[in-house]
Amino acid sequence: MNPIDALFQRLRHQGRKAFIPFLAAGDPNLETTELFLDELFRRGAHLVEMGFPYSDPIADGPVIQSSYTRALQHGIRVDDIFAAVRRFVESSDHAGAGVAPPLVGMVSYSIVHRRGPEVFLKQARAAGFSGTIMPDLPVDEAEAVARLAAARDFKLIHLVTPTTPRDRAVRIAQLSTGFLYCVSTTGITGERDRLPLALVEQLAWLRQQTTLPLCVGFGISKPEHVTMLRDVADGIIVGSAFVRRVEQATTKPLAQVVREVGDLAQSLSETLNPPNVESVSS
């Protein structure tokens, strides 16, 4: 079973929700990315979304764009990311668990197309990724990639936005696998003061259209956001709040930054799944 399916199956049985942080690969370098990955999984992450740096990201705000720029300036390559993920997944801390920690790549289809979809998916899966999000791959053009992914039990996760027409949202939900990425608000990624109340209505409607887990991202950065969403979503995705802290690794002691990233992860994870609330054991 794909680790993403196994994760959501287990969490559903436990009555818990998925906490999904985002990291930009290679910011400030891949060695520290591996440190942050380890800290995030130790401090409550169930799955980590890893961004492949790209010079022209589609929906990312200035915090994530800057992280991509820094990584690209250091000469990061796709093969370097695959190698780092393979090291992490095969490390002694995780190999003995019997289940690889789920990782999802956020990658521009331009990168995938340049390498060839079949080759990219094969290499991503071999490296240890369980799925990928290609935000610039329109659902109308995604069927060929979806077939390649399905043949490898590799998840192809699609996004639904607040402005997606409902007939198109149904089509996206039908083609998505693993989970459905529900964008919380219009615009680009980044931290926000509040999330739109209309999001709850949208999630309720999507719940009637698909059995896929619904995970919400864009703008989630505070415990209040998590509290709002924990009863209506199956998972939350937090990006800029983590990337902004990782950026400080160039000016502050690395151990301190790793700890601060872990503290944020633990705070948000415990808000999403309060430790005093008993759940059904798996």
Protein backbone atom coordinates (compact mmCIF):
# COMPACT_ATOMS: atom_id res chain seq x y z
CA MET A 1 0.00 0.00 0.00
CA ASN A 2 1.22 3.47 -0.79
CA PRO A 3 2.43 5.20 2.42
CA ILE A 4 -0.03 8.07 1.88
CA ASP A 5 -3.01 5.71 1.74
CA ALA A 6 -1.67 3.83 4.76
CA LEU A 7 -1.25 7.09 6.67
CA PHE A 8 -4.78 8.37 6.10
CA GLN A 9 -6.25 4.95 6.76
CA ARG A 10 -4.45 4.85 10.12
CA LEU A 11 -5.34 8.42 11.05
CA ARG A 12 -8.99 7.91 10.15
CA HIS A 13 -9.10 4.83 12.39
CA GLN A 14 -7.52 6.86 15.21
CA GLY A 15 -9.83 9.84 14.73
CA ARG A 16 -6.84 12.09 14.02
CA LYS A 17 -5.87 14.54 11.30
CA ALA A 18 -2.74 14.80 9.16
CA PHE A 19 -0.22 17.53 9.91
CA ILE A 20 1.72 18.35 6.72
CA PRO A 21 4.57 20.89 6.82
CA PHE A 22 6.28 22.17 3.68
CA LEU A 23 10.02 22.56 3.11
CA ALA A 24 11.88 23.98 0.13
CA ALA A 25 14.54 21.45 -0.83
CA GLY A 26 18.08 22.76 -0.55
CA ASP A 27 17.43 25.93 1.43
CA PRO A 28 20.02 26.73 2.62
CA ASN A 29 21.47 23.35 1.55
CA LEU A 30 20.33 19.74 1.33
CA GLU A 31 22.20 18.67 4.46
CA THR A 32 20.12 21.06 6.56
CA THR A 33 16.98 20.06 4.67
CA GLU A 34 17.56 16.52 5.94
CA LEU A 35 17.97 17.85 9.49
CA PHE A 36 14.70 19.75 9.24
CA LEU A 37 12.93 16.70 7.80
CA ASP A 38 14.03 14.61 10.74
CA GLU A 39 12.97 17.27 13.24
CA LEU A 40 9.55 17.71 11.63
CA PHE A 41 8.77 14.00 11.71
CA ARG A 42 10.04 13.78 15.31
CA ARG A 43 7.85 16.70 16.39
CA GLY A 44 4.49 15.70 14.95
CA ALA A 45 4.53 15.79 11.14
CA HIS A 46 2.71 12.91 9.48
CA LEU A 47 3.76 13.76 5.93
CA VAL A 48 6.11 16.42 4.53
CA GLU A 49 5.64 18.28 1.27
CA MET A 50 8.96 19.12 -0.35
CA GLY A 51 9.22 21.89 -2.93
CA PHE A 52 11.51 21.48 -5.93
CA PRO A 53 13.11 24.91 -6.48
CA TYR A 54 11.99 26.52 -9.72
CA SER A 55 12.72 29.95 -11.14
CA ASP A 56 9.09 30.73 -12.05
CA PRO A 57 6.79 29.17 -9.43
CA ILE A 58 3.10 29.43 -10.21
CA ALA A 59 1.38 30.16 -6.91
CA ASP A 60 4.10 30.72 -4.35
CA GLY A 61 4.41 33.94 -2.39
CA PRO A 62 7.59 35.90 -1.68
CA VAL A 63 8.76 33.73 1.25
CA ILE A 64 8.81 30.50 -0.75
CA GLN A 65 10.00 32.24 -3.92
CA SER A 66 12.99 33.58 -2.00
CA SER A 67 13.78 30.13 -0.64
CA TYR A 68 13.75 28.72 -4.16
CA THR A 69 16.04 31.50 -5.34
CA ARG A 70 18.55 30.78 -2.58
CA ALA A 71 18.57 27.06 -3.37
CA LEU A 72 19.00 27.68 -7.11
CA GLN A 73 21.84 30.10 -6.47
CA HIS A 74 23.60 27.24 -4.67
CA GLY A 75 23.25 25.09 -7.79
CA ILE A 76 20.68 22.56 -6.58
CA ARG A 77 19.63 19.92 -9.12
CA VAL A 78 16.77 17.41 -9.26
CA ASP A 79 19.18 14.50 -8.87
CA ASP A 80 20.57 16.12 -5.72
CA ILE A 81 17.07 16.22 -4.23
CA PHE A 82 16.43 12.59 -5.10
CA ALA A 83 19.74 11.58 -3.51
CA ALA A 84 18.99 13.53 -0.31
CA VAL A 85 15.53 12.01 0.02
CA ARG A 86 16.95 8.53 -0.55
CA ARG A 87 19.50 9.12 2.24
CA PHE A 88 16.80 10.32 4.58
CA VAL A 89 14.37 7.48 3.90
CA GLU A 90 17.10 4.86 4.18
CA SER A 91 18.62 6.32 7.32
CA SER A 92 18.86 4.11 10.39
CA ASP A 93 16.31 6.25 12.24
CA HIS A 94 13.58 5.31 9.80
CA ALA A 95 14.59 2.10 8.05
CA GLY A 96 13.82 -0.05 11.07
CA ALA A 97 10.24 1.22 11.28
CA GLY A 98 9.23 -0.84 8.25
CA VAL A 99 7.28 2.05 6.70
CA ALA A 100 8.91 4.92 4.84
CA PRO A 101 7.92 8.39 6.11
CA PRO A 102 5.55 9.78 3.48
CA LEU A 103 7.02 12.54 1.33
CA VAL A 104 5.24 14.44 -1.45
CA GLY A 105 7.04 16.55 -4.02
CA MET A 106 5.68 19.94 -5.06
CA VAL A 107 7.18 20.27 -8.53
CA SER A 108 6.52 22.32 -11.65
CA TYR A 109 5.44 20.25 -14.61
CA SER A 110 8.12 22.06 -16.59
CA ILE A 111 10.72 20.14 -14.57
CA VAL A 112 8.86 16.88 -15.07
CA HIS A 113 8.40 17.44 -18.80
CA ARG A 114 12.06 18.26 -19.30
CA ARG A 115 13.10 14.94 -17.79
CA GLY A 116 10.15 13.00 -19.18
CA PRO A 117 7.14 12.11 -16.99
CA GLU A 118 7.83 8.37 -16.97
CA VAL A 119 11.48 8.84 -16.00
CA PHE A 120 10.70 11.49 -13.39
CA LEU A 121 8.00 9.40 -11.68
CA LYS A 122 10.18 6.31 -11.69
CA GLN A 123 13.11 8.20 -10.15
CA ALA A 124 10.92 10.02 -7.62
CA ARG A 125 9.39 6.78 -6.41
CA ALA A 126 12.77 5.05 -6.25
CA ALA A 127 14.13 7.95 -4.19
CA GLY A 128 11.36 7.60 -1.61
CA PHE A 129 8.63 10.02 -2.64
CA SER A 130 5.11 8.65 -2.27
CA GLY A 131 3.44 11.18 -4.55
CA THR A 132 3.68 14.55 -6.19
CA ILE A 133 1.75 17.78 -6.74
CA MET A 134 2.20 19.51 -10.10
CA PRO A 135 0.40 22.84 -9.65
CA ASP A 136 0.83 23.91 -13.29
CA LEU A 137 -0.46 20.65 -14.81
CA PRO A 138 -4.08 21.32 -15.89
CA VAL A 139 -6.48 18.50 -15.12
CA ASP A 140 -7.45 18.43 -18.81
CA GLU A 141 -3.89 17.41 -19.68
CA ALA A 142 -3.16 15.20 -16.68
CA GLU A 143 -4.59 11.83 -17.70
CA ALA A 144 -1.41 10.51 -19.31
CA VAL A 145 0.66 11.40 -16.22
CA ALA A 146 -2.07 9.99 -13.98
CA ARG A 147 -1.86 6.63 -15.78
CA LEU A 148 1.91 6.54 -15.37
CA ALA A 149 1.58 7.38 -11.68
CA ALA A 150 -1.15 4.80 -11.06
CA ALA A 151 0.96 2.07 -12.67
CA ARG A 152 3.60 2.75 -9.99
CA ASP A 153 1.19 3.21 -7.06
CA PHE A 154 2.45 6.80 -6.98
CA LYS A 155 -0.02 9.49 -5.96
CA LEU A 156 -0.80 12.44 -8.25
CA ILE A 157 -2.40 15.07 -6.04
CA HIS A 158 -4.42 17.89 -7.59
CA LEU A 159 -5.50 21.27 -6.26
CA VAL A 160 -8.97 22.77 -5.97
CA THR A 161 -9.22 26.52 -5.38
CA PRO A 162 -12.09 28.69 -4.12
CA THR A 163 -12.68 29.89 -7.71
CA THR A 164 -12.65 26.46 -9.35
CA PRO A 165 -16.03 25.91 -11.08
CA ARG A 166 -17.90 23.08 -9.39
CA ASP A 167 -18.07 20.83 -12.44
CA ARG A 168 -14.32 21.21 -12.84
CA ALA A 169 -13.76 20.59 -9.12
CA VAL A 170 -15.58 17.27 -9.48
CA ARG A 171 -13.33 16.32 -12.39
CA ILE A 172 -10.22 17.27 -10.37
CA ALA A 173 -11.39 15.20 -7.42
CA GLN A 174 -11.97 12.22 -9.71
CA LEU A 175 -8.44 12.40 -11.11
CA SER A 176 -6.64 13.14 -7.85
CA THR A 177 -5.18 10.32 -5.75
CA GLY A 178 -3.81 10.22 -2.21
CA PHE A 179 -5.66 13.31 -1.08
CA LEU A 180 -7.22 16.44 -2.52
CA TYR A 181 -5.29 19.66 -1.94
CA CYS A 182 -7.87 22.32 -1.03
CA VAL A 183 -6.53 25.85 -1.44
CA SER A 184 -7.95 27.93 1.39
CA THR A 185 -8.13 31.28 -0.37
CA THR A 186 -7.48 32.98 -3.66
CA GLY A 187 -4.01 34.33 -4.38
CA ILE A 188 -0.55 33.05 -3.58
CA THR A 189 0.96 31.18 -0.64
CA GLY A 190 1.84 33.15 2.49
CA GLU A 191 0.84 33.71 6.09
CA ARG A 192 -2.51 35.43 6.72
CA ASP A 193 -4.34 36.84 9.72
CA ARG A 194 -7.56 34.92 9.10
CA LEU A 195 -9.00 32.32 6.78
CA PRO A 196 -12.27 32.82 4.85
CA LEU A 197 -15.40 31.39 6.45
CA ALA A 198 -16.56 30.30 2.98
CA LEU A 199 -13.83 27.67 3.12
CA VAL A 200 -15.89 25.59 5.56
CA GLU A 201 -18.83 25.57 3.13
CA GLN A 202 -16.55 24.59 0.24
CA LEU A 203 -15.09 21.69 2.23
CA ALA A 204 -18.57 20.46 3.14
CA TRP A 205 -19.52 20.46 -0.55
CA LEU A 206 -16.30 18.68 -1.59
CA ARG A 207 -16.95 16.06 1.08
CA GLN A 208 -20.07 15.08 -0.86
CA GLN A 209 -18.14 14.74 -4.13
CA THR A 210 -15.22 12.51 -3.11
CA THR A 211 -14.05 9.98 -0.56
CA LEU A 212 -10.48 11.34 -0.77
CA PRO A 213 -9.03 13.00 2.33
CA LEU A 214 -9.35 16.80 2.12
CA CYS A 215 -6.18 18.67 3.10
CA VAL A 216 -6.15 22.45 3.30
CA GLY A 217 -3.18 24.66 2.48
CA PHE A 218 -2.23 28.28 1.69
CA GLY A 219 -2.20 30.83 4.49
CA ILE A 220 -2.27 28.45 7.46
CA SER A 221 0.27 29.57 10.03
CA LYS A 222 -1.40 29.97 13.44
CA PRO A 223 -3.05 27.70 16.00
CA GLU A 224 -6.30 29.63 15.44
CA HIS A 225 -6.30 28.55 11.79
CA VAL A 226 -5.75 24.95 12.84
CA THR A 227 -8.58 25.12 15.38
CA MET A 228 -10.93 26.42 12.69
CA LEU A 229 -10.08 23.60 10.32
CA ARG A 230 -9.54 20.53 12.47
CA ASP A 231 -13.22 19.52 12.50
CA VAL A 232 -13.81 20.02 8.76
CA ALA A 233 -10.54 18.92 7.10
CA ASP A 234 -8.57 15.68 7.10
CA GLY A 235 -5.24 17.47 7.15
CA ILE A 236 -3.58 20.86 7.13
CA ILE A 237 -0.58 22.01 5.09
CA VAL A 238 1.70 24.70 6.50
CA GLY A 239 4.37 26.23 4.27
CA SER A 240 5.53 29.83 4.59
CA ALA A 241 5.59 29.79 8.39
CA PHE A 242 8.22 27.05 8.29
CA VAL A 243 10.17 28.40 5.32
CA ARG A 244 10.45 31.79 7.01
CA ARG A 245 12.06 30.15 10.04
CA VAL A 246 14.36 27.99 7.93
CA GLU A 247 15.61 31.16 6.24
CA GLN A 248 17.15 32.21 9.56
CA ALA A 249 19.60 29.30 9.37
CA THR A 250 21.98 31.60 7.49
CA THR A 251 22.12 34.12 10.35
CA LYS A 252 21.42 32.13 13.53
CA PRO A 253 22.93 28.96 15.02
CA LEU A 254 21.56 25.99 13.09
CA ALA A 255 20.68 24.03 16.23
CA GLN A 256 18.55 26.94 17.43
CA VAL A 257 16.69 27.21 14.11
CA VAL A 258 16.07 23.45 14.01
CA ARG A 259 14.64 23.65 17.52
CA GLU A 260 12.40 26.61 16.60
CA VAL A 261 11.10 24.77 13.55
CA GLY A 262 10.40 21.75 15.76
CA ASP A 263 8.65 23.88 18.38
CA LEU A 264 6.33 25.35 15.74
CA ALA A 265 5.62 21.89 14.34
CA GLN A 266 4.80 20.50 17.76
CA SER A 267 2.56 23.46 18.62
CA LEU A 268 0.53 23.17 15.42
CA SER A 269 0.43 19.37 15.55
CA GLU A 270 -0.86 19.34 19.13
CA THR A 271 -3.48 21.94 18.25
CA LEU A 272 -4.62 19.77 15.36
CA ASN A 273 -4.59 16.59 17.47
CA PRO A 274 -4.83 17.65 21.13
CA PRO A 275 -2.83 15.19 23.25
CA ASN A 276 -5.50 15.15 25.97
CA VAL A 277 -8.09 13.82 23.53
CA GLU A 278 -8.04 10.04 23.50
CA SER A 279 -8.16 8.35 20.13
CA VAL A 280 -8.86 4.81 19.07
CA SER A 281 -5.62 2.85 18.97
CA SER A 282 -4.58 1.37 15.62
